[in-house]
Amino acid sequence: MVLIILMNFLIAVISQSYDSVMDTALQTLYSQRCEMNLEIRLMRNKLGVKIERTMFIISANCTEEENDDW
């Protein structure tokens, strides 16, 4: 009986951790893209290349569903 209760507790903890990671995954993705855009802008300014418009880096694995969220 104790083993079943402990296994249920373990499953609950793992599920909660997974949900937490999945909730912040998309925010982290866009945050990293923003940082990459800043780094590219700084590198282009350092090299003397004029930036005419804002860059948006989008990975090939983005789905329409992810883009709708933002």
C-alpha atoms as a PDB file:
ATOM      1  CA  MET A   1       0.000   0.000   0.000  1.00  0.00           C
ATOM      2  CA  VAL A   2       2.804   2.399   0.920  1.00  0.00           C
ATOM      3  CA  LEU A   3       4.571   1.614  -2.364  1.00  0.00           C
ATOM      4  CA  ILE A   4       1.473   2.576  -4.372  1.00  0.00           C
ATOM      5  CA  ILE A   5       1.117   5.857  -2.473  1.00  0.00           C
ATOM      6  CA  LEU A   6       4.796   6.704  -2.999  1.00  0.00           C
ATOM      7  CA  MET A   7       4.572   5.868  -6.710  1.00  0.00           C
ATOM      8  CA  ASN A   8       1.531   8.162  -7.064  1.00  0.00           C
ATOM      9  CA  PHE A   9       3.418  10.909  -5.259  1.00  0.00           C
ATOM     10  CA  LEU A  10       6.409  10.457  -7.583  1.00  0.00           C
ATOM     11  CA  ILE A  11       4.173  10.619 -10.654  1.00  0.00           C
ATOM     12  CA  ALA A  12       2.544  13.810  -9.336  1.00  0.00           C
ATOM     13  CA  VAL A  13       5.923  15.485  -8.738  1.00  0.00           C
ATOM     14  CA  ILE A  14       7.202  14.547 -12.196  1.00  0.00           C
ATOM     15  CA  SER A  15       3.972  15.753 -13.842  1.00  0.00           C
ATOM     16  CA  GLN A  16       4.150  19.071 -12.010  1.00  0.00           C
ATOM     17  CA  SER A  17       7.783  19.573 -13.068  1.00  0.00           C
ATOM     18  CA  TYR A  18       6.930  18.755 -16.686  1.00  0.00           C
ATOM     19  CA  ASP A  19       4.018  21.221 -16.706  1.00  0.00           C
ATOM     20  CA  SER A  20       6.229  23.928 -15.252  1.00  0.00           C
ATOM     21  CA  VAL A  21       8.880  23.426 -17.941  1.00  0.00           C
ATOM     22  CA  MET A  22       6.329  23.378 -20.750  1.00  0.00           C
ATOM     23  CA  ASP A  23       4.706  26.592 -19.476  1.00  0.00           C
ATOM     24  CA  THR A  24       7.968  28.508 -19.691  1.00  0.00           C
ATOM     25  CA  ALA A  25       9.394  26.840 -22.830  1.00  0.00           C
ATOM     26  CA  LEU A  26       7.888  29.246 -25.366  1.00  0.00           C
ATOM     27  CA  GLN A  27       8.777  32.318 -23.308  1.00  0.00           C
ATOM     28  CA  THR A  28      12.357  31.083 -23.044  1.00  0.00           C
ATOM     29  CA  LEU A  29      12.475  30.468 -26.800  1.00  0.00           C
ATOM     30  CA  TYR A  30      11.456  34.040 -27.624  1.00  0.00           C
ATOM     31  CA  SER A  31      13.726  35.460 -24.937  1.00  0.00           C
ATOM     32  CA  GLN A  32      16.690  33.656 -26.479  1.00  0.00           C
ATOM     33  CA  ARG A  33      15.724  34.913 -29.946  1.00  0.00           C
ATOM     34  CA  CYS A  34      15.605  38.460 -28.600  1.00  0.00           C
ATOM     35  CA  GLU A  35      19.075  38.086 -27.107  1.00  0.00           C
ATOM     36  CA  MET A  36      20.356  36.682 -30.407  1.00  0.00           C
ATOM     37  CA  ASN A  37      18.892  39.645 -32.311  1.00  0.00           C
ATOM     38  CA  LEU A  38      20.679  42.003 -29.919  1.00  0.00           C
ATOM     39  CA  GLU A  39      23.989  40.177 -30.379  1.00  0.00           C
ATOM     40  CA  ILE A  40      23.630  40.311 -34.170  1.00  0.00           C
ATOM     41  CA  ARG A  41      22.827  44.009 -34.036  1.00  0.00           C
ATOM     42  CA  LEU A  42      25.889  44.696 -31.860  1.00  0.00           C
ATOM     43  CA  MET A  43      28.126  42.669 -34.175  1.00  0.00           C
ATOM     44  CA  ARG A  44      26.825  44.456 -37.279  1.00  0.00           C
ATOM     45  CA  ASN A  45      27.333  47.857 -35.616  1.00  0.00           C
ATOM     46  CA  LYS A  46      30.872  46.882 -34.639  1.00  0.00           C
ATOM     47  CA  LEU A  47      31.621  45.834 -38.232  1.00  0.00           C
ATOM     48  CA  GLY A  48      30.113  49.055 -39.584  1.00  0.00           C
ATOM     49  CA  VAL A  49      27.183  47.468 -41.394  1.00  0.00           C
ATOM     50  CA  LYS A  50      24.136  49.730 -41.385  1.00  0.00           C
ATOM     51  CA  ILE A  51      20.934  48.092 -40.154  1.00  0.00           C
ATOM     52  CA  GLU A  52      17.948  49.277 -42.137  1.00  0.00           C
ATOM     53  CA  ARG A  53      15.249  47.347 -40.292  1.00  0.00           C
ATOM     54  CA  THR A  54      14.695  45.091 -37.316  1.00  0.00           C
ATOM     55  CA  MET A  55      15.651  41.434 -37.619  1.00  0.00           C
ATOM     56  CA  PHE A  56      13.535  38.592 -36.376  1.00  0.00           C
ATOM     57  CA  ILE A  57      15.138  35.192 -36.140  1.00  0.00           C
ATOM     58  CA  ILE A  58      12.623  32.399 -36.471  1.00  0.00           C
ATOM     59  CA  SER A  59      13.629  28.772 -36.311  1.00  0.00           C
ATOM     60  CA  ALA A  60      12.443  26.272 -38.885  1.00  0.00           C
ATOM     61  CA  ASN A  61      10.602  24.199 -36.301  1.00  0.00           C
ATOM     62  CA  CYS A  62       8.070  26.905 -35.360  1.00  0.00           C
ATOM     63  CA  THR A  63       4.500  25.898 -35.940  1.00  0.00           C
ATOM     64  CA  GLU A  64       1.532  28.091 -36.679  1.00  0.00           C
ATOM     65  CA  GLU A  65       0.152  27.257 -33.247  1.00  0.00           C
ATOM     66  CA  GLU A  66       3.223  28.744 -31.526  1.00  0.00           C
ATOM     67  CA  ASN A  67       3.034  31.895 -33.634  1.00  0.00           C
ATOM     68  CA  ASP A  68      -0.645  32.351 -32.743  1.00  0.00           C
ATOM     69  CA  ASP A  69       0.210  32.411 -29.034  1.00  0.00           C
ATOM     70  CA  TRP A  70       2.380  35.493 -29.508  1.00  0.00           C
END
